């Protein structure tokens, strides 16, 4: 709680240094919210020096603890070469790890991974549709839109504008919620 108070200046002047001090104390005890707080500070930079190496160390600790968001985020690092050399195979492996365990954001990322042709089979519409549909059913709006567009345009499946429109309406309801 003290880290957040210092980070956001709640009743005290903002102090990134003090926030980091308190986040570090909690992170040493494997407190996940503190570890994510450190990742956010070091990833964004601004009030503290951007430190992607530090971000990766913390992400790997979280991955070792089985944190699905961290597994997915590490995949994003490998796709976008954030602190690591771009490696689409590793990225796909991380996305798949988290997606198989039901993490909707990873399912979205894996779906787009296959849509963009990063998998071993190049563009793979059936695989993309599979993962995007799983995420869409869990309320991921971007996946709902993607599934709707795939049906509407007939990407890898018979063109079905009605089904596509139904998914777009679901996405609209998700957004309105």
N, C-alpha and C. Protein backbone atom coordinates (compact mmCIF):
# COMPACT_ATOMS: atom_id res chain seq x y z
N UNK A 1 0.83 -1.20 0.00
CA UNK A 1 0.00 0.00 0.00
C UNK A 1 0.87 1.26 0.00
N UNK A 2 1.98 1.24 0.73
CA UNK A 2 2.84 2.42 0.76
C UNK A 2 3.44 2.71 -0.61
N UNK A 3 3.76 1.67 -1.35
CA UNK A 3 4.32 1.87 -2.69
C UNK A 3 3.33 2.62 -3.57
N UNK A 4 2.07 2.25 -3.50
CA UNK A 4 1.04 2.90 -4.31
C UNK A 4 0.83 4.34 -3.86
N UNK A 5 0.90 4.57 -2.56
CA UNK A 5 0.76 5.93 -2.03
C UNK A 5 1.86 6.82 -2.60
N UNK A 6 3.09 6.34 -2.58
CA UNK A 6 4.21 7.13 -3.12
C UNK A 6 4.17 7.24 -4.64
N UNK A 7 3.77 6.16 -5.29
CA UNK A 7 3.72 6.16 -6.76
C UNK A 7 2.70 7.18 -7.27
N UNK A 8 1.55 7.25 -6.61
CA UNK A 8 0.46 8.10 -7.08
C UNK A 8 0.34 9.42 -6.34
N UNK A 9 1.16 9.62 -5.31
CA UNK A 9 1.09 10.87 -4.57
C UNK A 9 -0.20 11.02 -3.79
N UNK A 10 -0.63 9.97 -3.14
CA UNK A 10 -1.87 10.01 -2.37
C UNK A 10 -1.59 10.54 -0.96
N UNK A 11 -1.81 11.84 -0.78
CA UNK A 11 -1.58 12.47 0.52
C UNK A 11 -0.12 12.78 0.79
N UNK A 12 0.71 12.57 -0.19
CA UNK A 12 2.15 12.82 -0.07
C UNK A 12 2.67 13.14 -1.47
N UNK A 13 3.77 13.84 -1.57
CA UNK A 13 4.32 14.09 -2.91
C UNK A 13 4.70 12.77 -3.61
N UNK A 14 4.54 12.75 -4.92
CA UNK A 14 4.92 11.57 -5.70
C UNK A 14 6.43 11.35 -5.54
N UNK A 15 6.77 10.09 -5.26
CA UNK A 15 8.17 9.74 -5.13
C UNK A 15 8.38 8.34 -5.72
N UNK A 16 8.86 8.32 -6.95
CA UNK A 16 9.12 7.03 -7.60
C UNK A 16 10.17 6.24 -6.84
N UNK A 17 11.15 6.94 -6.30
CA UNK A 17 12.21 6.26 -5.55
C UNK A 17 11.64 5.54 -4.33
N UNK A 18 10.74 6.21 -3.61
CA UNK A 18 10.13 5.57 -2.42
C UNK A 18 9.17 4.46 -2.85
N UNK A 19 8.46 4.69 -3.95
CA UNK A 19 7.55 3.65 -4.44
C UNK A 19 8.35 2.39 -4.79
N UNK A 20 9.45 2.59 -5.50
CA UNK A 20 10.29 1.43 -5.87
C UNK A 20 10.81 0.74 -4.62
N UNK A 21 11.24 1.52 -3.65
CA UNK A 21 11.74 0.94 -2.39
C UNK A 21 10.70 0.00 -1.78
N UNK A 22 9.45 0.46 -1.71
CA UNK A 22 8.40 -0.35 -1.08
C UNK A 22 7.95 -1.50 -1.99
N UNK A 23 7.89 -1.25 -3.30
CA UNK A 23 7.57 -2.34 -4.22
C UNK A 23 8.64 -3.43 -4.13
N UNK A 24 9.93 -3.02 -4.05
CA UNK A 24 11.03 -3.98 -3.96
C UNK A 24 10.92 -4.84 -2.69
N UNK A 25 10.59 -4.19 -1.59
CA UNK A 25 10.45 -4.95 -0.32
C UNK A 25 9.40 -6.04 -0.46
N UNK A 26 8.27 -5.66 -1.03
CA UNK A 26 7.18 -6.63 -1.18
C UNK A 26 7.52 -7.67 -2.24
N UNK A 27 8.18 -7.24 -3.32
CA UNK A 27 8.52 -8.17 -4.40
C UNK A 27 9.49 -9.25 -3.92
N UNK A 28 10.37 -8.89 -2.99
CA UNK A 28 11.31 -9.88 -2.45
C UNK A 28 10.58 -11.01 -1.73
N UNK A 29 9.33 -10.74 -1.33
CA UNK A 29 8.50 -11.76 -0.69
C UNK A 29 7.52 -12.39 -1.70
N UNK A 30 7.85 -12.22 -3.00
CA UNK A 30 7.03 -12.75 -4.09
C UNK A 30 5.60 -12.22 -4.09
N UNK A 31 5.44 -10.98 -3.69
CA UNK A 31 4.12 -10.33 -3.73
C UNK A 31 3.86 -9.90 -5.17
N UNK A 32 2.94 -10.62 -5.85
CA UNK A 32 2.73 -10.40 -7.28
C UNK A 32 2.31 -8.98 -7.63
N UNK A 33 1.37 -8.37 -6.90
CA UNK A 33 1.02 -6.99 -7.26
C UNK A 33 2.21 -6.03 -7.19
N UNK A 34 3.11 -6.25 -6.25
CA UNK A 34 4.31 -5.42 -6.16
C UNK A 34 5.23 -5.66 -7.35
N UNK A 35 5.33 -6.91 -7.75
CA UNK A 35 6.18 -7.24 -8.90
C UNK A 35 5.61 -6.58 -10.16
N UNK A 36 4.29 -6.61 -10.30
CA UNK A 36 3.66 -5.94 -11.45
C UNK A 36 3.82 -4.42 -11.36
N UNK A 37 3.81 -3.88 -10.15
CA UNK A 37 4.04 -2.45 -9.98
C UNK A 37 5.44 -2.06 -10.44
N UNK A 38 6.42 -2.88 -10.12
CA UNK A 38 7.80 -2.63 -10.58
C UNK A 38 7.89 -2.73 -12.10
N UNK A 39 7.25 -3.74 -12.65
CA UNK A 39 7.26 -3.90 -14.11
C UNK A 39 6.70 -2.64 -14.76
N UNK A 40 5.59 -2.16 -14.25
CA UNK A 40 4.97 -0.97 -14.83
C UNK A 40 5.90 0.24 -14.77
N UNK A 41 6.51 0.46 -13.63
CA UNK A 41 7.41 1.60 -13.48
C UNK A 41 8.62 1.50 -14.42
N UNK A 42 9.25 0.33 -14.45
CA UNK A 42 10.45 0.16 -15.26
C UNK A 42 10.15 0.07 -16.76
N UNK A 43 8.97 -0.39 -17.10
CA UNK A 43 8.60 -0.51 -18.50
C UNK A 43 8.27 0.85 -19.11
N UNK A 44 7.58 1.69 -18.34
CA UNK A 44 7.15 2.99 -18.85
C UNK A 44 8.25 4.03 -18.78
N UNK A 45 9.12 3.90 -17.81
CA UNK A 45 10.13 4.94 -17.62
C UNK A 45 9.45 6.22 -17.15
N UNK A 46 9.94 7.34 -17.58
CA UNK A 46 9.35 8.62 -17.16
C UNK A 46 9.98 9.09 -15.87
N UNK A 47 9.31 8.81 -14.75
CA UNK A 47 9.84 9.26 -13.45
C UNK A 47 11.01 8.41 -12.98
N UNK A 48 11.14 7.21 -13.54
CA UNK A 48 12.31 6.37 -13.27
C UNK A 48 12.92 5.99 -14.63
N UNK A 49 14.18 5.61 -14.62
CA UNK A 49 14.82 5.22 -15.88
C UNK A 49 14.22 3.91 -16.39
N UNK A 50 13.85 3.92 -17.65
CA UNK A 50 13.32 2.72 -18.29
C UNK A 50 14.38 1.62 -18.21
N UNK A 51 13.97 0.42 -17.80
CA UNK A 51 14.92 -0.67 -17.60
C UNK A 51 14.28 -1.99 -18.03
N UNK A 52 14.36 -2.29 -19.33
CA UNK A 52 13.74 -3.50 -19.85
C UNK A 52 14.41 -4.77 -19.34
N UNK A 53 15.69 -4.70 -19.03
CA UNK A 53 16.37 -5.87 -18.46
C UNK A 53 15.75 -6.23 -17.12
N UNK A 54 15.47 -5.22 -16.32
CA UNK A 54 14.83 -5.43 -15.01
C UNK A 54 13.42 -5.97 -15.20
N UNK A 55 12.70 -5.42 -16.18
CA UNK A 55 11.34 -5.90 -16.48
C UNK A 55 11.39 -7.39 -16.80
N UNK A 56 12.34 -7.78 -17.65
CA UNK A 56 12.44 -9.19 -18.05
C UNK A 56 12.79 -10.10 -16.88
N UNK A 57 13.66 -9.63 -16.00
CA UNK A 57 14.01 -10.45 -14.81
C UNK A 57 12.77 -10.71 -13.96
N UNK A 58 11.98 -9.66 -13.75
CA UNK A 58 10.77 -9.81 -12.93
C UNK A 58 9.75 -10.69 -13.65
N UNK A 59 9.59 -10.47 -14.96
CA UNK A 59 8.65 -11.32 -15.72
C UNK A 59 9.04 -12.78 -15.62
N UNK A 60 10.33 -13.06 -15.72
CA UNK A 60 10.78 -14.47 -15.64
C UNK A 60 10.52 -15.07 -14.26
N UNK A 61 10.64 -14.25 -13.22
CA UNK A 61 10.30 -14.73 -11.88
C UNK A 61 8.82 -15.09 -11.82
N UNK A 62 7.99 -14.22 -12.39
CA UNK A 62 6.55 -14.49 -12.39
C UNK A 62 6.22 -15.70 -13.26
N UNK A 63 6.91 -15.85 -14.38
CA UNK A 63 6.70 -17.03 -15.24
C UNK A 63 7.04 -18.29 -14.45
N UNK A 64 8.13 -18.26 -13.69
CA UNK A 64 8.52 -19.42 -12.88
C UNK A 64 7.46 -19.77 -11.84
N UNK A 65 6.66 -18.77 -11.47
CA UNK A 65 5.57 -18.99 -10.51
C UNK A 65 4.27 -19.40 -11.22
N UNK A 66 4.32 -19.49 -12.54
CA UNK A 66 3.15 -19.91 -13.31
C UNK A 66 2.16 -18.79 -13.61
N UNK A 67 2.57 -17.54 -13.48
CA UNK A 67 1.68 -16.40 -13.73
C UNK A 67 1.36 -16.31 -15.23
N UNK A 68 0.09 -16.51 -15.58
CA UNK A 68 -0.31 -16.55 -16.98
C UNK A 68 -0.13 -15.22 -17.69
N UNK A 69 -0.40 -14.14 -16.99
CA UNK A 69 -0.20 -12.82 -17.60
C UNK A 69 1.28 -12.61 -17.93
N UNK A 70 2.16 -13.04 -17.05
CA UNK A 70 3.60 -12.89 -17.29
C UNK A 70 4.05 -13.74 -18.46
N UNK A 71 3.51 -14.95 -18.56
CA UNK A 71 3.85 -15.82 -19.68
C UNK A 71 3.45 -15.14 -20.99
N UNK A 72 2.25 -14.60 -21.02
CA UNK A 72 1.77 -13.88 -22.20
C UNK A 72 2.62 -12.65 -22.50
N UNK A 73 2.95 -11.89 -21.47
CA UNK A 73 3.75 -10.67 -21.66
C UNK A 73 5.15 -10.99 -22.18
N UNK A 74 5.70 -12.11 -21.74
CA UNK A 74 7.01 -12.51 -22.25
C UNK A 74 6.91 -12.83 -23.75
N UNK A 75 5.81 -13.42 -24.15
CA UNK A 75 5.56 -13.64 -25.57
C UNK A 75 5.55 -12.34 -26.35
N UNK A 76 4.91 -11.32 -25.78
CA UNK A 76 4.85 -10.00 -26.42
C UNK A 76 6.26 -9.42 -26.54
N UNK A 77 7.07 -9.61 -25.51
CA UNK A 77 8.46 -9.13 -25.56
C UNK A 77 9.20 -9.75 -26.73
N UNK A 78 9.00 -11.06 -26.95
CA UNK A 78 9.69 -11.73 -28.05
C UNK A 78 9.15 -11.33 -29.43
N UNK A 79 7.87 -11.04 -29.53
CA UNK A 79 7.32 -10.59 -30.81
C UNK A 79 7.88 -9.22 -31.16
N UNK A 80 7.90 -8.32 -30.18
CA UNK A 80 8.26 -6.93 -30.42
C UNK A 80 9.70 -6.58 -30.11
N UNK A 81 10.52 -7.59 -29.79
CA UNK A 81 11.94 -7.36 -29.47
C UNK A 81 12.10 -6.33 -28.36
N UNK A 82 11.35 -6.51 -27.27
CA UNK A 82 11.43 -5.61 -26.12
C UNK A 82 12.39 -6.18 -25.09
N UNK A 83 13.63 -5.75 -25.16
CA UNK A 83 14.64 -6.20 -24.23
C UNK A 83 15.25 -7.55 -24.58
N UNK A 84 14.75 -8.16 -25.63
CA UNK A 84 15.26 -9.44 -26.12
C UNK A 84 15.32 -9.36 -27.64
N UNK A 85 16.07 -10.27 -28.25
CA UNK A 85 16.08 -10.34 -29.70
C UNK A 85 14.75 -10.95 -30.15
N UNK A 86 14.18 -10.40 -31.22
CA UNK A 86 12.91 -10.94 -31.70
C UNK A 86 13.05 -12.43 -32.00
N UNK A 87 12.09 -13.20 -31.48
CA UNK A 87 12.08 -14.63 -31.71
C UNK A 87 10.61 -15.07 -31.75
N UNK A 88 10.09 -15.20 -32.96
CA UNK A 88 8.67 -15.50 -33.12
C UNK A 88 8.32 -16.91 -32.66
N UNK A 89 9.27 -17.83 -32.75
CA UNK A 89 9.02 -19.20 -32.28
C UNK A 89 8.82 -19.18 -30.76
N UNK A 90 9.73 -18.52 -30.04
CA UNK A 90 9.58 -18.42 -28.58
C UNK A 90 8.30 -17.70 -28.21
N UNK A 91 7.99 -16.63 -28.95
CA UNK A 91 6.76 -15.88 -28.68
C UNK A 91 5.55 -16.80 -28.78
N UNK A 92 5.49 -17.56 -29.86
CA UNK A 92 4.38 -18.48 -30.04
C UNK A 92 4.29 -19.52 -28.94
N UNK A 93 5.46 -20.00 -28.51
CA UNK A 93 5.48 -20.99 -27.41
C UNK A 93 4.90 -20.39 -26.13
N UNK A 94 5.28 -19.15 -25.82
CA UNK A 94 4.76 -18.51 -24.61
C UNK A 94 3.25 -18.26 -24.74
N UNK A 95 2.81 -17.75 -25.89
CA UNK A 95 1.37 -17.53 -26.08
C UNK A 95 0.60 -18.83 -25.92
N UNK A 96 1.11 -19.89 -26.53
CA UNK A 96 0.43 -21.19 -26.47
C UNK A 96 0.35 -21.70 -25.03
N UNK A 97 1.43 -21.55 -24.29
CA UNK A 97 1.45 -21.98 -22.89
C UNK A 97 0.31 -21.36 -22.09
N UNK A 98 0.19 -20.03 -22.21
CA UNK A 98 -0.85 -19.33 -21.44
C UNK A 98 -2.23 -19.55 -22.05
N UNK A 99 -2.33 -19.62 -23.37
CA UNK A 99 -3.62 -19.80 -24.03
C UNK A 99 -4.23 -21.16 -23.67
N UNK A 100 -3.41 -22.19 -23.65
CA UNK A 100 -3.89 -23.54 -23.30
C UNK A 100 -4.46 -23.58 -21.89
N UNK A 101 -3.95 -22.71 -21.05
CA UNK A 101 -4.41 -22.68 -19.66
C UNK A 101 -5.56 -21.69 -19.48
N UNK A 102 -6.11 -21.21 -20.60
CA UNK A 102 -7.34 -20.42 -20.56
C UNK A 102 -7.18 -18.93 -20.41
N UNK A 103 -5.96 -18.41 -20.55
CA UNK A 103 -5.76 -16.96 -20.39
C UNK A 103 -6.22 -16.26 -21.67
N UNK A 104 -7.33 -15.47 -21.59
CA UNK A 104 -7.93 -14.90 -22.80
C UNK A 104 -7.01 -13.97 -23.59
N UNK A 105 -6.22 -13.16 -22.94
CA UNK A 105 -5.32 -12.25 -23.67
C UNK A 105 -4.32 -13.05 -24.50
N UNK A 106 -3.83 -14.14 -23.96
CA UNK A 106 -2.89 -14.99 -24.71
C UNK A 106 -3.60 -15.67 -25.88
N UNK A 107 -4.87 -16.02 -25.69
CA UNK A 107 -5.62 -16.60 -26.79
C UNK A 107 -5.77 -15.60 -27.93
N UNK A 108 -6.02 -14.34 -27.58
CA UNK A 108 -6.09 -13.28 -28.60
C UNK A 108 -4.74 -13.16 -29.30
N UNK A 109 -3.67 -13.07 -28.52
CA UNK A 109 -2.34 -12.92 -29.12
C UNK A 109 -1.98 -14.11 -30.01
N UNK A 110 -2.35 -15.30 -29.58
CA UNK A 110 -2.05 -16.49 -30.37
C UNK A 110 -2.89 -16.50 -31.66
N UNK A 111 -4.13 -16.06 -31.55
CA UNK A 111 -4.97 -15.96 -32.74
C UNK A 111 -4.37 -15.02 -33.77
N UNK A 112 -3.97 -13.83 -33.33
CA UNK A 112 -3.35 -12.88 -34.25
C UNK A 112 -1.99 -13.38 -34.75
N UNK A 113 -1.28 -14.09 -33.91
CA UNK A 113 0.00 -14.70 -34.29
C UNK A 113 -0.20 -15.57 -35.53
N UNK A 114 -1.27 -16.38 -35.51
CA UNK A 114 -1.55 -17.26 -36.65
C UNK A 114 -2.13 -16.48 -37.83
N UNK A 115 -2.92 -15.45 -37.57
CA UNK A 115 -3.44 -14.62 -38.66
C UNK A 115 -2.32 -13.91 -39.42
N UNK A 116 -1.29 -13.54 -38.68
CA UNK A 116 -0.17 -12.81 -39.29
C UNK A 116 0.88 -13.74 -39.90
N UNK A 117 0.63 -15.04 -39.81
CA UNK A 117 1.51 -16.00 -40.47
C UNK A 117 2.80 -16.30 -39.72
N UNK A 118 2.80 -16.08 -38.41
CA UNK A 118 4.03 -16.32 -37.65
C UNK A 118 4.22 -17.78 -37.27
N UNK A 119 3.19 -18.58 -37.37
CA UNK A 119 3.31 -19.99 -37.01
C UNK A 119 4.07 -20.77 -38.06
N UNK A 120 4.38 -22.02 -37.76
CA UNK A 120 5.19 -22.83 -38.69
C UNK A 120 4.46 -23.11 -40.00
N UNK A 121 3.13 -22.94 -40.02
CA UNK A 121 2.36 -23.18 -41.24
C UNK A 121 2.01 -21.89 -41.98
N UNK A 122 2.64 -20.80 -41.62
CA UNK A 122 2.29 -19.52 -42.24
C UNK A 122 0.92 -19.06 -41.75
N UNK A 123 0.20 -18.33 -42.57
CA UNK A 123 -1.15 -17.89 -42.17
C UNK A 123 -1.99 -19.15 -41.98
N UNK A 124 -2.60 -19.26 -40.79
CA UNK A 124 -3.37 -20.45 -40.44
C UNK A 124 -4.72 -20.00 -39.89
N UNK A 125 -5.69 -19.83 -40.82
CA UNK A 125 -7.00 -19.32 -40.42
C UNK A 125 -7.74 -20.23 -39.43
N UNK A 126 -7.74 -21.55 -39.64
CA UNK A 126 -8.44 -22.40 -38.67
C UNK A 126 -7.87 -22.28 -37.25
N UNK A 127 -6.56 -22.24 -37.15
CA UNK A 127 -5.93 -22.12 -35.82
C UNK A 127 -6.21 -20.74 -35.22
N UNK A 128 -6.15 -19.71 -36.05
CA UNK A 128 -6.47 -18.36 -35.58
C UNK A 128 -7.91 -18.30 -35.09
N UNK A 129 -8.82 -18.85 -35.87
CA UNK A 129 -10.24 -18.82 -35.50
C UNK A 129 -10.48 -19.57 -34.20
N UNK A 130 -9.81 -20.70 -34.04
CA UNK A 130 -9.96 -21.50 -32.81
C UNK A 130 -9.63 -20.66 -31.57
N UNK A 131 -8.45 -20.03 -31.59
CA UNK A 131 -8.01 -19.28 -30.41
C UNK A 131 -8.79 -17.99 -30.22
N UNK A 132 -9.08 -17.31 -31.31
CA UNK A 132 -9.86 -16.07 -31.20
C UNK A 132 -11.28 -16.35 -30.71
N UNK A 133 -11.87 -17.46 -31.15
CA UNK A 133 -13.22 -17.81 -30.68
C UNK A 133 -13.22 -18.12 -29.19
N UNK A 134 -12.20 -18.84 -28.73
CA UNK A 134 -12.11 -19.13 -27.29
C UNK A 134 -12.04 -17.82 -26.48
N UNK A 135 -11.23 -16.88 -26.95
CA UNK A 135 -11.12 -15.59 -26.26
C UNK A 135 -12.41 -14.79 -26.38
N UNK A 136 -13.03 -14.83 -27.55
CA UNK A 136 -14.27 -14.09 -27.77
C UNK A 136 -15.36 -14.58 -26.82
N UNK A 137 -15.42 -15.87 -26.61
CA UNK A 137 -16.44 -16.44 -25.70
C UNK A 137 -16.19 -16.05 -24.25
N UNK A 138 -14.95 -15.62 -23.96
CA UNK A 138 -14.64 -15.15 -22.61
C UNK A 138 -14.79 -13.63 -22.48
N UNK A 139 -15.32 -13.00 -23.53
CA UNK A 139 -15.62 -11.57 -23.44
C UNK A 139 -14.53 -10.65 -23.96
N UNK A 140 -13.54 -11.17 -24.67
CA UNK A 140 -12.48 -10.33 -25.23
C UNK A 140 -13.00 -9.64 -26.49
N UNK A 141 -13.25 -8.33 -26.38
CA UNK A 141 -13.87 -7.58 -27.45
C UNK A 141 -13.07 -7.62 -28.75
N UNK A 142 -11.75 -7.47 -28.67
CA UNK A 142 -10.95 -7.49 -29.90
C UNK A 142 -11.09 -8.84 -30.61
N UNK A 143 -11.20 -9.91 -29.85
CA UNK A 143 -11.38 -11.24 -30.43
C UNK A 143 -12.78 -11.36 -31.05
N UNK A 144 -13.77 -10.80 -30.39
CA UNK A 144 -15.13 -10.83 -30.93
C UNK A 144 -15.19 -10.12 -32.28
N UNK A 145 -14.52 -8.98 -32.38
CA UNK A 145 -14.48 -8.25 -33.64
C UNK A 145 -13.73 -9.06 -34.70
N UNK A 146 -12.59 -9.63 -34.32
CA UNK A 146 -11.80 -10.42 -35.28
C UNK A 146 -12.58 -11.62 -35.79
N UNK A 147 -13.26 -12.33 -34.89
CA UNK A 147 -14.06 -13.48 -35.30
C UNK A 147 -15.19 -13.02 -36.22
N UNK A 148 -15.82 -11.90 -35.88
CA UNK A 148 -16.87 -11.36 -36.73
C UNK A 148 -16.36 -11.03 -38.12
N UNK A 149 -15.20 -10.42 -38.20
CA UNK A 149 -14.62 -10.05 -39.49
C UNK A 149 -14.19 -11.29 -40.29
N UNK A 150 -13.68 -12.30 -39.59
CA UNK A 150 -13.29 -13.53 -40.28
C UNK A 150 -14.51 -14.18 -40.93
N UNK A 151 -15.62 -14.21 -40.20
CA UNK A 151 -16.85 -14.78 -40.75
C UNK A 151 -17.37 -13.91 -41.89
N UNK A 152 -17.40 -12.61 -41.68
CA UNK A 152 -17.91 -11.69 -42.70
C UNK A 152 -17.11 -11.76 -43.99
N UNK A 153 -15.78 -11.80 -43.87
CA UNK A 153 -14.91 -11.79 -45.05
C UNK A 153 -14.65 -13.18 -45.62
N UNK A 154 -14.98 -14.20 -44.84
CA UNK A 154 -14.73 -15.57 -45.30
C UNK A 154 -13.26 -15.95 -45.27
N UNK A 155 -12.56 -15.48 -44.26
CA UNK A 155 -11.13 -15.80 -44.12
C UNK A 155 -10.97 -17.19 -43.50
N UNK A 156 -10.67 -18.16 -44.34
CA UNK A 156 -10.43 -19.52 -43.87
C UNK A 156 -11.68 -20.29 -43.56
N UNK A 157 -12.84 -19.76 -43.89
CA UNK A 157 -14.11 -20.44 -43.66
C UNK A 157 -15.12 -19.86 -44.64
N UNK A 158 -16.24 -20.53 -44.83
CA UNK A 158 -17.23 -19.98 -45.76
C UNK A 158 -17.72 -18.61 -45.28
N UNK A 159 -17.86 -17.69 -46.22
CA UNK A 159 -18.31 -16.34 -45.90
C UNK A 159 -19.72 -16.41 -45.31
N UNK A 160 -19.91 -15.76 -44.15
CA UNK A 160 -21.21 -15.75 -43.48
C UNK A 160 -21.38 -14.38 -42.83
N UNK A 161 -21.98 -13.47 -43.59
CA UNK A 161 -22.15 -12.09 -43.10
C UNK A 161 -23.05 -12.03 -41.88
N UNK A 162 -24.04 -12.90 -41.80
CA UNK A 162 -24.96 -12.88 -40.66
C UNK A 162 -24.21 -13.25 -39.38
N UNK A 163 -23.45 -14.32 -39.44
CA UNK A 163 -22.67 -14.74 -38.27
C UNK A 163 -21.63 -13.68 -37.91
N UNK A 164 -21.01 -13.09 -38.93
CA UNK A 164 -20.06 -12.01 -38.69
C UNK A 164 -20.72 -10.85 -37.97
N UNK A 165 -21.89 -10.46 -38.44
CA UNK A 165 -22.62 -9.35 -37.83
C UNK A 165 -23.01 -9.69 -36.38
N UNK A 166 -23.39 -10.94 -36.14
CA UNK A 166 -23.74 -11.35 -34.77
C UNK A 166 -22.56 -11.15 -33.83
N UNK A 167 -21.35 -11.51 -34.28
CA UNK A 167 -20.16 -11.33 -33.44
C UNK A 167 -19.86 -9.85 -33.22
N UNK A 168 -20.07 -9.03 -34.24
CA UNK A 168 -19.85 -7.59 -34.08
C UNK A 168 -20.84 -7.01 -33.07
N UNK A 169 -22.09 -7.47 -33.10
CA UNK A 169 -23.07 -7.01 -32.11
C UNK A 169 -22.68 -7.45 -30.70
N UNK A 170 -22.15 -8.65 -30.57
CA UNK A 170 -21.66 -9.11 -29.26
C UNK A 170 -20.54 -8.19 -28.78
N UNK A 171 -19.63 -7.84 -29.69
CA UNK A 171 -18.53 -6.94 -29.33
C UNK A 171 -19.07 -5.58 -28.90
N UNK A 172 -20.09 -5.10 -29.59
CA UNK A 172 -20.68 -3.81 -29.24
C UNK A 172 -21.27 -3.86 -27.83
N UNK A 173 -21.94 -4.97 -27.50
CA UNK A 173 -22.50 -5.13 -26.14
C UNK A 173 -21.38 -5.21 -25.10
N UNK A 174 -20.29 -5.90 -25.46
CA UNK A 174 -19.14 -5.97 -24.56
C UNK A 174 -18.59 -4.59 -24.28
N UNK A 175 -18.48 -3.77 -25.34
CA UNK A 175 -17.96 -2.41 -25.21
C UNK A 175 -18.91 -1.56 -24.35
N UNK A 176 -20.19 -1.70 -24.56
CA UNK A 176 -21.18 -0.90 -23.82
C UNK A 176 -21.23 -1.27 -22.35
N UNK A 177 -20.83 -2.50 -22.05
CA UNK A 177 -20.88 -2.97 -20.66
C UNK A 177 -19.86 -2.22 -19.87
